[in-house]
Amino acid sequence: AVHFLEANEPHICLYRDTTEIILTRTNG
């Protein structure tokens, strides 16, 4: 996991091999 929590649109990027998943907040 690489955290980008201070970005304008906070998110976390998940990496494994050549796959990337981006997690975004649901804001409730």
mmCIF file of all heavy atoms, coordinates in Angstrom:
data_MODEL
# 
_entry.id   MODEL 
# 
loop_
_atom_site.group_PDB 
_atom_site.id 
_atom_site.type_symbol 
_atom_site.label_atom_id 
_atom_site.label_alt_id 
_atom_site.label_comp_id 
_atom_site.label_asym_id 
_atom_site.label_entity_id 
_atom_site.label_seq_id 
_atom_site.pdbx_PDB_ins_code 
_atom_site.Cartn_x 
_atom_site.Cartn_y 
_atom_site.Cartn_z 
_atom_site.occupancy 
_atom_site.B_iso_or_equiv 
_atom_site.pdbx_formal_charge 
_atom_site.auth_seq_id 
_atom_site.auth_comp_id 
_atom_site.auth_asym_id 
_atom_site.auth_atom_id 
_atom_site.pdbx_PDB_model_num 
ATOM 1   N N   . ALA A 1 1  ? 0.830   -1.202  0.000   1.00 0.00 ? 1  ALA A N   1 
ATOM 2   C CA  . ALA A 1 1  ? 0.000   0.000   0.000   1.00 0.00 ? 1  ALA A CA  1 
ATOM 3   C C   . ALA A 1 1  ? 0.867   1.256   0.000   1.00 0.00 ? 1  ALA A C   1 
ATOM 4   O O   . ALA A 1 1  ? 1.862   1.337   0.720   1.00 0.00 ? 1  ALA A O   1 
ATOM 5   C CB  . ALA A 1 1  ? -0.916  0.016   1.220   1.00 0.00 ? 1  ALA A CB  1 
ATOM 6   N N   . VAL A 1 2  ? 0.481   2.228   -0.826  1.00 0.00 ? 2  VAL A N   1 
ATOM 7   C CA  . VAL A 1 2  ? 1.105   3.545   -0.841  1.00 0.00 ? 2  VAL A CA  1 
ATOM 8   C C   . VAL A 1 2  ? -0.016  4.543   -0.564  1.00 0.00 ? 2  VAL A C   1 
ATOM 9   O O   . VAL A 1 2  ? -0.991  4.616   -1.308  1.00 0.00 ? 2  VAL A O   1 
ATOM 10  C CB  . VAL A 1 2  ? 1.796   3.845   -2.188  1.00 0.00 ? 2  VAL A CB  1 
ATOM 11  C CG1 . VAL A 1 2  ? 2.398   5.236   -2.167  1.00 0.00 ? 2  VAL A CG1 1 
ATOM 12  C CG2 . VAL A 1 2  ? 2.859   2.794   -2.492  1.00 0.00 ? 2  VAL A CG2 1 
ATOM 13  N N   . HIS A 1 3  ? 0.138   5.289   0.541   1.00 0.00 ? 3  HIS A N   1 
ATOM 14  C CA  . HIS A 1 3  ? -0.917  6.189   1.010   1.00 0.00 ? 3  HIS A CA  1 
ATOM 15  C C   . HIS A 1 3  ? -0.761  7.591   0.426   1.00 0.00 ? 3  HIS A C   1 
ATOM 16  O O   . HIS A 1 3  ? 0.328   8.151   0.444   1.00 0.00 ? 3  HIS A O   1 
ATOM 17  C CB  . HIS A 1 3  ? -0.872  6.273   2.542   1.00 0.00 ? 3  HIS A CB  1 
ATOM 18  C CG  . HIS A 1 3  ? -1.154  4.965   3.213   1.00 0.00 ? 3  HIS A CG  1 
ATOM 19  N ND1 . HIS A 1 3  ? -2.199  4.797   4.070   1.00 0.00 ? 3  HIS A ND1 1 
ATOM 20  C CD2 . HIS A 1 3  ? -0.536  3.760   3.145   1.00 0.00 ? 3  HIS A CD2 1 
ATOM 21  C CE1 . HIS A 1 3  ? -2.228  3.551   4.512   1.00 0.00 ? 3  HIS A CE1 1 
ATOM 22  N NE2 . HIS A 1 3  ? -1.207  2.902   3.959   1.00 0.00 ? 3  HIS A NE2 1 
ATOM 23  N N   . PHE A 1 4  ? -1.856  8.117   -0.070  1.00 0.00 ? 4  PHE A N   1 
ATOM 24  C CA  . PHE A 1 4  ? -1.932  9.496   -0.559  1.00 0.00 ? 4  PHE A CA  1 
ATOM 25  C C   . PHE A 1 4  ? -3.077  10.185  0.176   1.00 0.00 ? 4  PHE A C   1 
ATOM 26  O O   . PHE A 1 4  ? -4.022  10.700  -0.424  1.00 0.00 ? 4  PHE A O   1 
ATOM 27  C CB  . PHE A 1 4  ? -2.160  9.517   -2.075  1.00 0.00 ? 4  PHE A CB  1 
ATOM 28  C CG  . PHE A 1 4  ? -1.039  8.891   -2.857  1.00 0.00 ? 4  PHE A CG  1 
ATOM 29  C CD1 . PHE A 1 4  ? -1.114  7.569   -3.272  1.00 0.00 ? 4  PHE A CD1 1 
ATOM 30  C CD2 . PHE A 1 4  ? 0.110   9.612   -3.145  1.00 0.00 ? 4  PHE A CD2 1 
ATOM 31  C CE1 . PHE A 1 4  ? -0.084  6.976   -3.982  1.00 0.00 ? 4  PHE A CE1 1 
ATOM 32  C CE2 . PHE A 1 4  ? 1.155   9.027   -3.859  1.00 0.00 ? 4  PHE A CE2 1 
ATOM 33  C CZ  . PHE A 1 4  ? 1.057   7.709   -4.277  1.00 0.00 ? 4  PHE A CZ  1 
ATOM 34  N N   . LEU A 1 5  ? -3.004  10.186  1.509   1.00 0.00 ? 5  LEU A N   1 
ATOM 35  C CA  . LEU A 1 5  ? -4.107  10.670  2.333   1.00 0.00 ? 5  LEU A CA  1 
ATOM 36  C C   . LEU A 1 5  ? -4.163  12.190  2.418   1.00 0.00 ? 5  LEU A C   1 
ATOM 37  O O   . LEU A 1 5  ? -5.197  12.747  2.795   1.00 0.00 ? 5  LEU A O   1 
ATOM 38  C CB  . LEU A 1 5  ? -4.017  10.051  3.734   1.00 0.00 ? 5  LEU A CB  1 
ATOM 39  C CG  . LEU A 1 5  ? -4.035  8.519   3.749   1.00 0.00 ? 5  LEU A CG  1 
ATOM 40  C CD1 . LEU A 1 5  ? -3.867  7.997   5.167   1.00 0.00 ? 5  LEU A CD1 1 
ATOM 41  C CD2 . LEU A 1 5  ? -5.318  7.994   3.118   1.00 0.00 ? 5  LEU A CD2 1 
ATOM 42  N N   . GLU A 1 6  ? -3.080  12.863  2.067   1.00 0.00 ? 6  GLU A N   1 
ATOM 43  C CA  . GLU A 1 6  ? -3.055  14.331  2.112   1.00 0.00 ? 6  GLU A CA  1 
ATOM 44  C C   . GLU A 1 6  ? -3.373  14.952  0.759   1.00 0.00 ? 6  GLU A C   1 
ATOM 45  O O   . GLU A 1 6  ? -3.363  16.171  0.616   1.00 0.00 ? 6  GLU A O   1 
ATOM 46  C CB  . GLU A 1 6  ? -1.695  14.818  2.618   1.00 0.00 ? 6  GLU A CB  1 
ATOM 47  C CG  . GLU A 1 6  ? -1.322  14.304  4.000   1.00 0.00 ? 6  GLU A CG  1 
ATOM 48  C CD  . GLU A 1 6  ? -2.332  14.681  5.069   1.00 0.00 ? 6  GLU A CD  1 
ATOM 49  O OE1 . GLU A 1 6  ? -2.863  15.809  5.034   1.00 0.00 ? 6  GLU A OE1 1 
ATOM 50  O OE2 . GLU A 1 6  ? -2.613  13.830  5.938   1.00 0.00 ? 6  GLU A OE2 1 
ATOM 51  N N   . ALA A 1 7  ? -3.655  14.142  -0.241  1.00 0.00 ? 7  ALA A N   1 
ATOM 52  C CA  . ALA A 1 7  ? -3.977  14.650  -1.584  1.00 0.00 ? 7  ALA A CA  1 
ATOM 53  C C   . ALA A 1 7  ? -5.353  15.316  -1.574  1.00 0.00 ? 7  ALA A C   1 
ATOM 54  O O   . ALA A 1 7  ? -6.141  15.134  -0.649  1.00 0.00 ? 7  ALA A O   1 
ATOM 55  C CB  . ALA A 1 7  ? -3.973  13.497  -2.586  1.00 0.00 ? 7  ALA A CB  1 
ATOM 56  N N   . ASN A 1 8  ? -5.634  16.099  -2.608  1.00 0.00 ? 8  ASN A N   1 
ATOM 57  C CA  . ASN A 1 8  ? -6.955  16.735  -2.726  1.00 0.00 ? 8  ASN A CA  1 
ATOM 58  C C   . ASN A 1 8  ? -8.067  15.695  -2.718  1.00 0.00 ? 8  ASN A C   1 
ATOM 59  O O   . ASN A 1 8  ? -9.164  15.959  -2.218  1.00 0.00 ? 8  ASN A O   1 
ATOM 60  C CB  . ASN A 1 8  ? -7.038  17.574  -4.000  1.00 0.00 ? 8  ASN A CB  1 
ATOM 61  C CG  . ASN A 1 8  ? -6.235  18.843  -3.913  1.00 0.00 ? 8  ASN A CG  1 
ATOM 62  O OD1 . ASN A 1 8  ? -5.936  19.329  -2.827  1.00 0.00 ? 8  ASN A OD1 1 
ATOM 63  N ND2 . ASN A 1 8  ? -5.864  19.388  -5.055  1.00 0.00 ? 8  ASN A ND2 1 
ATOM 64  N N   . GLU A 1 9  ? -7.806  14.548  -3.305  1.00 0.00 ? 9  GLU A N   1 
ATOM 65  C CA  . GLU A 1 9  ? -8.739  13.420  -3.283  1.00 0.00 ? 9  GLU A CA  1 
ATOM 66  C C   . GLU A 1 9  ? -8.017  12.261  -2.599  1.00 0.00 ? 9  GLU A C   1 
ATOM 67  O O   . GLU A 1 9  ? -7.337  11.465  -3.250  1.00 0.00 ? 9  GLU A O   1 
ATOM 68  C CB  . GLU A 1 9  ? -9.169  13.043  -4.700  1.00 0.00 ? 9  GLU A CB  1 
ATOM 69  C CG  . GLU A 1 9  ? -9.925  14.156  -5.399  1.00 0.00 ? 9  GLU A CG  1 
ATOM 70  C CD  . GLU A 1 9  ? -10.314 13.809  -6.831  1.00 0.00 ? 9  GLU A CD  1 
ATOM 71  O OE1 . GLU A 1 9  ? -9.985  12.697  -7.310  1.00 0.00 ? 9  GLU A OE1 1 
ATOM 72  O OE2 . GLU A 1 9  ? -10.948 14.663  -7.461  1.00 0.00 ? 9  GLU A OE2 1 
ATOM 73  N N   . PRO A 1 10 ? -8.122  12.162  -1.266  1.00 0.00 ? 10 PRO A N   1 
ATOM 74  C CA  . PRO A 1 10 ? -7.378  11.147  -0.530  1.00 0.00 ? 10 PRO A CA  1 
ATOM 75  C C   . PRO A 1 10 ? -7.659  9.746   -1.063  1.00 0.00 ? 10 PRO A C   1 
ATOM 76  O O   . PRO A 1 10 ? -8.806  9.389   -1.351  1.00 0.00 ? 10 PRO A O   1 
ATOM 77  C CB  . PRO A 1 10 ? -7.901  11.289  0.908   1.00 0.00 ? 10 PRO A CB  1 
ATOM 78  C CG  . PRO A 1 10 ? -8.454  12.675  0.975   1.00 0.00 ? 10 PRO A CG  1 
ATOM 79  C CD  . PRO A 1 10 ? -8.983  12.967  -0.392  1.00 0.00 ? 10 PRO A CD  1 
ATOM 80  N N   . HIS A 1 11 ? -6.579  8.963   -1.194  1.00 0.00 ? 11 HIS A N   1 
ATOM 81  C CA  . HIS A 1 11 ? -6.713  7.607   -1.698  1.00 0.00 ? 11 HIS A CA  1 
ATOM 82  C C   . HIS A 1 11 ? -5.481  6.795   -1.305  1.00 0.00 ? 11 HIS A C   1 
ATOM 83  O O   . HIS A 1 11 ? -4.494  7.348   -0.822  1.00 0.00 ? 11 HIS A O   1 
ATOM 84  C CB  . HIS A 1 11 ? -6.893  7.596   -3.220  1.00 0.00 ? 11 HIS A CB  1 
ATOM 85  C CG  . HIS A 1 11 ? -5.731  8.152   -3.973  1.00 0.00 ? 11 HIS A CG  1 
ATOM 86  N ND1 . HIS A 1 11 ? -5.441  9.502   -4.033  1.00 0.00 ? 11 HIS A ND1 1 
ATOM 87  C CD2 . HIS A 1 11 ? -4.769  7.531   -4.697  1.00 0.00 ? 11 HIS A CD2 1 
ATOM 88  C CE1 . HIS A 1 11 ? -4.363  9.690   -4.772  1.00 0.00 ? 11 HIS A CE1 1 
ATOM 89  N NE2 . HIS A 1 11 ? -3.923  8.507   -5.184  1.00 0.00 ? 11 HIS A NE2 1 
ATOM 90  N N   . ILE A 1 12 ? -5.595  5.490   -1.478  1.00 0.00 ? 12 ILE A N   1 
ATOM 91  C CA  . ILE A 1 12 ? -4.475  4.577   -1.258  1.00 0.00 ? 12 ILE A CA  1 
ATOM 92  C C   . ILE A 1 12 ? -4.339  3.718   -2.511  1.00 0.00 ? 12 ILE A C   1 
ATOM 93  O O   . ILE A 1 12 ? -5.334  3.186   -3.011  1.00 0.00 ? 12 ILE A O   1 
ATOM 94  C CB  . ILE A 1 12 ? -4.695  3.685   -0.023  1.00 0.00 ? 12 ILE A CB  1 
ATOM 95  C CG1 . ILE A 1 12 ? -4.769  4.542   1.245   1.00 0.00 ? 12 ILE A CG1 1 
ATOM 96  C CG2 . ILE A 1 12 ? -3.582  2.632   0.093   1.00 0.00 ? 12 ILE A CG2 1 
ATOM 97  C CD1 . ILE A 1 12 ? -5.102  3.762   2.512   1.00 0.00 ? 12 ILE A CD1 1 
ATOM 98  N N   . CYS A 1 13 ? -3.119  3.590   -3.004  1.00 0.00 ? 13 CYS A N   1 
ATOM 99  C CA  . CYS A 1 13 ? -2.846  2.714   -4.141  1.00 0.00 ? 13 CYS A CA  1 
ATOM 100 C C   . CYS A 1 13 ? -2.275  1.402   -3.605  1.00 0.00 ? 13 CYS A C   1 
ATOM 101 O O   . CYS A 1 13 ? -1.397  1.407   -2.741  1.00 0.00 ? 13 CYS A O   1 
ATOM 102 C CB  . CYS A 1 13 ? -1.842  3.354   -5.096  1.00 0.00 ? 13 CYS A CB  1 
ATOM 103 S SG  . CYS A 1 13 ? -2.503  4.805   -5.932  1.00 0.00 ? 13 CYS A SG  1 
ATOM 104 N N   . LEU A 1 14 ? -2.809  0.313   -4.106  1.00 0.00 ? 14 LEU A N   1 
ATOM 105 C CA  . LEU A 1 14 ? -2.356  -1.026  -3.734  1.00 0.00 ? 14 LEU A CA  1 
ATOM 106 C C   . LEU A 1 14 ? -1.664  -1.651  -4.935  1.00 0.00 ? 14 LEU A C   1 
ATOM 107 O O   . LEU A 1 14 ? -2.216  -1.630  -6.038  1.00 0.00 ? 14 LEU A O   1 
ATOM 108 C CB  . LEU A 1 14 ? -3.546  -1.894  -3.318  1.00 0.00 ? 14 LEU A CB  1 
ATOM 109 C CG  . LEU A 1 14 ? -4.384  -1.359  -2.164  1.00 0.00 ? 14 LEU A CG  1 
ATOM 110 C CD1 . LEU A 1 14 ? -5.671  -2.151  -2.045  1.00 0.00 ? 14 LEU A CD1 1 
ATOM 111 C CD2 . LEU A 1 14 ? -3.594  -1.419  -0.871  1.00 0.00 ? 14 LEU A CD2 1 
ATOM 112 N N   . TYR A 1 15 ? -0.471  -2.209  -4.716  1.00 0.00 ? 15 TYR A N   1 
ATOM 113 C CA  . TYR A 1 15 ? 0.310   -2.774  -5.805  1.00 0.00 ? 15 TYR A CA  1 
ATOM 114 C C   . TYR A 1 15 ? 0.689   -4.221  -5.507  1.00 0.00 ? 15 TYR A C   1 
ATOM 115 O O   . TYR A 1 15 ? 1.084   -4.544  -4.383  1.00 0.00 ? 15 TYR A O   1 
ATOM 116 C CB  . TYR A 1 15 ? 1.605   -1.987  -6.017  1.00 0.00 ? 15 TYR A CB  1 
ATOM 117 C CG  . TYR A 1 15 ? 1.393   -0.544  -6.353  1.00 0.00 ? 15 TYR A CG  1 
ATOM 118 C CD1 . TYR A 1 15 ? 1.502   0.440   -5.380  1.00 0.00 ? 15 TYR A CD1 1 
ATOM 119 C CD2 . TYR A 1 15 ? 1.067   -0.156  -7.649  1.00 0.00 ? 15 TYR A CD2 1 
ATOM 120 C CE1 . TYR A 1 15 ? 1.299   1.779   -5.691  1.00 0.00 ? 15 TYR A CE1 1 
ATOM 121 C CE2 . TYR A 1 15 ? 0.872   1.175   -7.968  1.00 0.00 ? 15 TYR A CE2 1 
ATOM 122 C CZ  . TYR A 1 15 ? 0.984   2.140   -6.983  1.00 0.00 ? 15 TYR A CZ  1 
ATOM 123 O OH  . TYR A 1 15 ? 0.784   3.463   -7.293  1.00 0.00 ? 15 TYR A OH  1 
ATOM 124 N N   . ARG A 1 16 ? 0.557   -5.049  -6.516  1.00 0.00 ? 16 ARG A N   1 
ATOM 125 C CA  . ARG A 1 16 ? 1.080   -6.416  -6.469  1.00 0.00 ? 16 ARG A CA  1 
ATOM 126 C C   . ARG A 1 16 ? 1.327   -6.843  -7.910  1.00 0.00 ? 16 ARG A C   1 
ATOM 127 O O   . ARG A 1 16 ? 0.416   -6.801  -8.738  1.00 0.00 ? 16 ARG A O   1 
ATOM 128 C CB  . ARG A 1 16 ? 0.100   -7.372  -5.805  1.00 0.00 ? 16 ARG A CB  1 
ATOM 129 C CG  . ARG A 1 16 ? 0.636   -8.786  -5.821  1.00 0.00 ? 16 ARG A CG  1 
ATOM 130 C CD  . ARG A 1 16 ? -0.213  -9.751  -5.095  1.00 0.00 ? 16 ARG A CD  1 
ATOM 131 N NE  . ARG A 1 16 ? 0.277   -11.091 -5.414  1.00 0.00 ? 16 ARG A NE  1 
ATOM 132 C CZ  . ARG A 1 16 ? -0.048  -12.160 -4.757  1.00 0.00 ? 16 ARG A CZ  1 
ATOM 133 N NH1 . ARG A 1 16 ? -0.863  -12.082 -3.736  1.00 0.00 ? 16 ARG A NH1 1 
ATOM 134 N NH2 . ARG A 1 16 ? 0.431   -13.317 -5.116  1.00 0.00 ? 16 ARG A NH2 1 
ATOM 135 N N   . ASP A 1 17 ? 2.551   -7.273  -8.184  1.00 0.00 ? 17 ASP A N   1 
ATOM 136 C CA  . ASP A 1 17 ? 2.938   -7.664  -9.535  1.00 0.00 ? 17 ASP A CA  1 
ATOM 137 C C   . ASP A 1 17 ? 2.610   -6.506  -10.484 1.00 0.00 ? 17 ASP A C   1 
ATOM 138 O O   . ASP A 1 17 ? 3.079   -5.406  -10.265 1.00 0.00 ? 17 ASP A O   1 
ATOM 139 C CB  . ASP A 1 17 ? 2.276   -8.982  -9.943  1.00 0.00 ? 17 ASP A CB  1 
ATOM 140 C CG  . ASP A 1 17 ? 2.578   -10.129 -8.969  1.00 0.00 ? 17 ASP A CG  1 
ATOM 141 O OD1 . ASP A 1 17 ? 3.714   -10.158 -8.457  1.00 0.00 ? 17 ASP A OD1 1 
ATOM 142 O OD2 . ASP A 1 17 ? 1.691   -10.947 -8.704  1.00 0.00 ? 17 ASP A OD2 1 
ATOM 143 N N   . THR A 1 18 ? 1.809   -6.718  -11.502 1.00 0.00 ? 18 THR A N   1 
ATOM 144 C CA  . THR A 1 18 ? 1.458   -5.642  -12.438 1.00 0.00 ? 18 THR A CA  1 
ATOM 145 C C   . THR A 1 18 ? 0.033   -5.128  -12.199 1.00 0.00 ? 18 THR A C   1 
ATOM 146 O O   . THR A 1 18 ? -0.546  -4.479  -13.055 1.00 0.00 ? 18 THR A O   1 
ATOM 147 C CB  . THR A 1 18 ? 1.580   -6.114  -13.897 1.00 0.00 ? 18 THR A CB  1 
ATOM 148 O OG1 . THR A 1 18 ? 0.697   -7.216  -14.101 1.00 0.00 ? 18 THR A OG1 1 
ATOM 149 C CG2 . THR A 1 18 ? 3.010   -6.526  -14.225 1.00 0.00 ? 18 THR A CG2 1 
ATOM 150 N N   . THR A 1 19 ? -0.507  -5.409  -11.016 1.00 0.00 ? 19 THR A N   1 
ATOM 151 C CA  . THR A 1 19 ? -1.873  -5.007  -10.685 1.00 0.00 ? 19 THR A CA  1 
ATOM 152 C C   . THR A 1 19 ? -1.850  -3.811  -9.745  1.00 0.00 ? 19 THR A C   1 
ATOM 153 O O   . THR A 1 19 ? -1.054  -3.761  -8.814  1.00 0.00 ? 19 THR A O   1 
ATOM 154 C CB  . THR A 1 19 ? -2.621  -6.184  -10.018 1.00 0.00 ? 19 THR A CB  1 
ATOM 155 O OG1 . THR A 1 19 ? -2.682  -7.255  -10.945 1.00 0.00 ? 19 THR A OG1 1 
ATOM 156 C CG2 . THR A 1 19 ? -4.015  -5.797  -9.590  1.00 0.00 ? 19 THR A CG2 1 
ATOM 157 N N   . GLU A 1 20 ? -2.724  -2.848  -9.998  1.00 0.00 ? 20 GLU A N   1 
ATOM 158 C CA  . GLU A 1 20 ? -2.909  -1.701  -9.113  1.00 0.00 ? 20 GLU A CA  1 
ATOM 159 C C   . GLU A 1 20 ? -4.392  -1.561  -8.810  1.00 0.00 ? 20 GLU A C   1 
ATOM 160 O O   . GLU A 1 20 ? -5.232  -1.645  -9.704  1.00 0.00 ? 20 GLU A O   1 
ATOM 161 C CB  . GLU A 1 20 ? -2.394  -0.418  -9.751  1.00 0.00 ? 20 GLU A CB  1 
ATOM 162 C CG  . GLU A 1 20 ? -2.598  0.800   -8.864  1.00 0.00 ? 20 GLU A CG  1 
ATOM 163 C CD  . GLU A 1 20 ? -2.080  2.098   -9.476  1.00 0.00 ? 20 GLU A CD  1 
ATOM 164 O OE1 . GLU A 1 20 ? -1.520  2.061   -10.593 1.00 0.00 ? 20 GLU A OE1 1 
ATOM 165 O OE2 . GLU A 1 20 ? -2.250  3.147   -8.844  1.00 0.00 ? 20 GLU A OE2 1 
ATOM 166 N N   . ILE A 1 21 ? -4.690  -1.354  -7.540  1.00 0.00 ? 21 ILE A N   1 
ATOM 167 C CA  . ILE A 1 21 ? -6.050  -1.063  -7.087  1.00 0.00 ? 21 ILE A CA  1 
ATOM 168 C C   . ILE A 1 21 ? -5.997  0.279   -6.380  1.00 0.00 ? 21 ILE A C   1 
ATOM 169 O O   . ILE A 1 21 ? -5.074  0.541   -5.612  1.00 0.00 ? 21 ILE A O   1 
ATOM 170 C CB  . ILE A 1 21 ? -6.563  -2.135  -6.110  1.00 0.00 ? 21 ILE A CB  1 
ATOM 171 C CG1 . ILE A 1 21 ? -6.607  -3.498  -6.781  1.00 0.00 ? 21 ILE A CG1 1 
ATOM 172 C CG2 . ILE A 1 21 ? -7.931  -1.749  -5.551  1.00 0.00 ? 21 ILE A CG2 1 
ATOM 173 C CD1 . ILE A 1 21 ? -6.865  -4.639  -5.826  1.00 0.00 ? 21 ILE A CD1 1 
ATOM 174 N N   . ILE A 1 22 ? -6.970  1.120   -6.628  1.00 0.00 ? 22 ILE A N   1 
ATOM 175 C CA  . ILE A 1 22 ? -7.037  2.424   -5.985  1.00 0.00 ? 22 ILE A CA  1 
ATOM 176 C C   . ILE A 1 22 ? -8.235  2.412   -5.036  1.00 0.00 ? 22 ILE A C   1 
ATOM 177 O O   . ILE A 1 22 ? -9.360  2.140   -5.459  1.00 0.00 ? 22 ILE A O   1 
ATOM 178 C CB  . ILE A 1 22 ? -7.173  3.547   -7.023  1.00 0.00 ? 22 ILE A CB  1 
ATOM 179 C CG1 . ILE A 1 22 ? -5.978  3.513   -7.978  1.00 0.00 ? 22 ILE A CG1 1 
ATOM 180 C CG2 . ILE A 1 22 ? -7.278  4.912   -6.329  1.00 0.00 ? 22 ILE A CG2 1 
ATOM 181 C CD1 . ILE A 1 22 ? -6.148  4.362   -9.218  1.00 0.00 ? 22 ILE A CD1 1 
ATOM 182 N N   . LEU A 1 23 ? -7.971  2.680   -3.761  1.00 0.00 ? 23 LEU A N   1 
ATOM 183 C CA  . LEU A 1 23 ? -9.037  2.768   -2.766  1.00 0.00 ? 23 LEU A CA  1 
ATOM 184 C C   . LEU A 1 23 ? -9.396  4.232   -2.548  1.00 0.00 ? 23 LEU A C   1 
ATOM 185 O O   . LEU A 1 23 ? -8.506  5.060   -2.330  1.00 0.00 ? 23 LEU A O   1 
ATOM 186 C CB  . LEU A 1 23 ? -8.585  2.163   -1.432  1.00 0.00 ? 23 LEU A CB  1 
ATOM 187 C CG  . LEU A 1 23 ? -8.166  0.699   -1.447  1.00 0.00 ? 23 LEU A CG  1 
ATOM 188 C CD1 . LEU A 1 23 ? -7.656  0.292   -0.061  1.00 0.00 ? 23 LEU A CD1 1 
ATOM 189 C CD2 . LEU A 1 23 ? -9.327  -0.184  -1.874  1.00 0.00 ? 23 LEU A CD2 1 
ATOM 190 N N   . THR A 1 24 ? -10.672 4.544   -2.615  1.00 0.00 ? 24 THR A N   1 
ATOM 191 C CA  . THR A 1 24 ? -11.153 5.898   -2.348  1.00 0.00 ? 24 THR A CA  1 
ATOM 192 C C   . THR A 1 24 ? -12.152 5.853   -1.204  1.00 0.00 ? 24 THR A C   1 
ATOM 193 O O   . THR A 1 24 ? -12.792 4.827   -0.956  1.00 0.00 ? 24 THR A O   1 
ATOM 194 C CB  . THR A 1 24 ? -11.830 6.517   -3.588  1.00 0.00 ? 24 THR A CB  1 
ATOM 195 O OG1 . THR A 1 24 ? -12.951 5.711   -3.958  1.00 0.00 ? 24 THR A OG1 1 
ATOM 196 C CG2 . THR A 1 24 ? -10.862 6.617   -4.750  1.00 0.00 ? 24 THR A CG2 1 
ATOM 197 N N   . ARG A 1 25 ? -12.318 6.962   -0.534  1.00 0.00 ? 25 ARG A N   1 
ATOM 198 C CA  . ARG A 1 25 ? -13.253 7.050   0.590   1.00 0.00 ? 25 ARG A CA  1 
ATOM 199 C C   . ARG A 1 25 ? -14.690 7.177   0.094   1.00 0.00 ? 25 ARG A C   1 
ATOM 200 O O   . ARG A 1 25 ? -14.964 7.836   -0.906  1.00 0.00 ? 25 ARG A O   1 
ATOM 201 C CB  . ARG A 1 25 ? -12.920 8.258   1.454   1.00 0.00 ? 25 ARG A CB  1 
ATOM 202 C CG  . ARG A 1 25 ? -11.592 8.131   2.149   1.00 0.00 ? 25 ARG A CG  1 
ATOM 203 C CD  . ARG A 1 25 ? -11.327 9.345   2.994   1.00 0.00 ? 25 ARG A CD  1 
ATOM 204 N NE  . ARG A 1 25 ? -10.094 9.168   3.742   1.00 0.00 ? 25 ARG A NE  1 
ATOM 205 C CZ  . ARG A 1 25 ? -9.391  10.155  4.249   1.00 0.00 ? 25 ARG A CZ  1 
ATOM 206 N NH1 . ARG A 1 25 ? -9.794  11.400  4.070   1.00 0.00 ? 25 ARG A NH1 1 
ATOM 207 N NH2 . ARG A 1 25 ? -8.295  9.905   4.923   1.00 0.00 ? 25 ARG A NH2 1 
ATOM 208 N N   . THR A 1 26 ? -15.605 6.569   0.839   1.00 0.00 ? 26 THR A N   1 
ATOM 209 C CA  . THR A 1 26 ? -17.029 6.656   0.489   1.00 0.00 ? 26 THR A CA  1 
ATOM 210 C C   . THR A 1 26 ? -17.693 7.891   1.092   1.00 0.00 ? 26 THR A C   1 
ATOM 211 O O   . THR A 1 26 ? -18.840 8.177   0.767   1.00 0.00 ? 26 THR A O   1 
ATOM 212 C CB  . THR A 1 26 ? -17.795 5.426   1.003   1.00 0.00 ? 26 THR A CB  1 
ATOM 213 O OG1 . THR A 1 26 ? -17.705 5.391   2.429   1.00 0.00 ? 26 THR A OG1 1 
ATOM 214 C CG2 . THR A 1 26 ? -17.279 4.150   0.391   1.00 0.00 ? 26 THR A CG2 1 
ATOM 215 N N   . ASN A 1 27 ? -16.999 8.579   1.979   1.00 0.00 ? 27 ASN A N   1 
ATOM 216 C CA  . ASN A 1 27 ? -17.577 9.734   2.675   1.00 0.00 ? 27 ASN A CA  1 
ATOM 217 C C   . ASN A 1 27 ? -18.893 9.389   3.358   1.00 0.00 ? 27 ASN A C   1 
ATOM 218 O O   . ASN A 1 27 ? -19.848 10.156  3.333   1.00 0.00 ? 27 ASN A O   1 
ATOM 219 C CB  . ASN A 1 27 ? -17.752 10.925  1.729   1.00 0.00 ? 27 ASN A CB  1 
ATOM 220 C CG  . ASN A 1 27 ? -16.425 11.429  1.217   1.00 0.00 ? 27 ASN A CG  1 
ATOM 221 O OD1 . ASN A 1 27 ? -15.426 11.407  1.918   1.00 0.00 ? 27 ASN A OD1 1 
ATOM 222 N ND2 . ASN A 1 27 ? -16.391 11.871  -0.028  1.00 0.00 ? 27 ASN A ND2 1 
ATOM 223 N N   . GLY A 1 28 ? -18.937 8.199   3.960   1.00 0.00 ? 28 GLY A N   1 
ATOM 224 C CA  . GLY A 1 28 ? -20.100 7.782   4.725   1.00 0.00 ? 28 GLY A CA  1 
ATOM 225 C C   . GLY A 1 28 ? -21.207 7.130   3.923   1.00 0.00 ? 28 GLY A C   1 
ATOM 226 O O   . GLY A 1 28 ? -22.178 6.650   4.489   1.00 0.00 ? 28 GLY A O   1 
# 
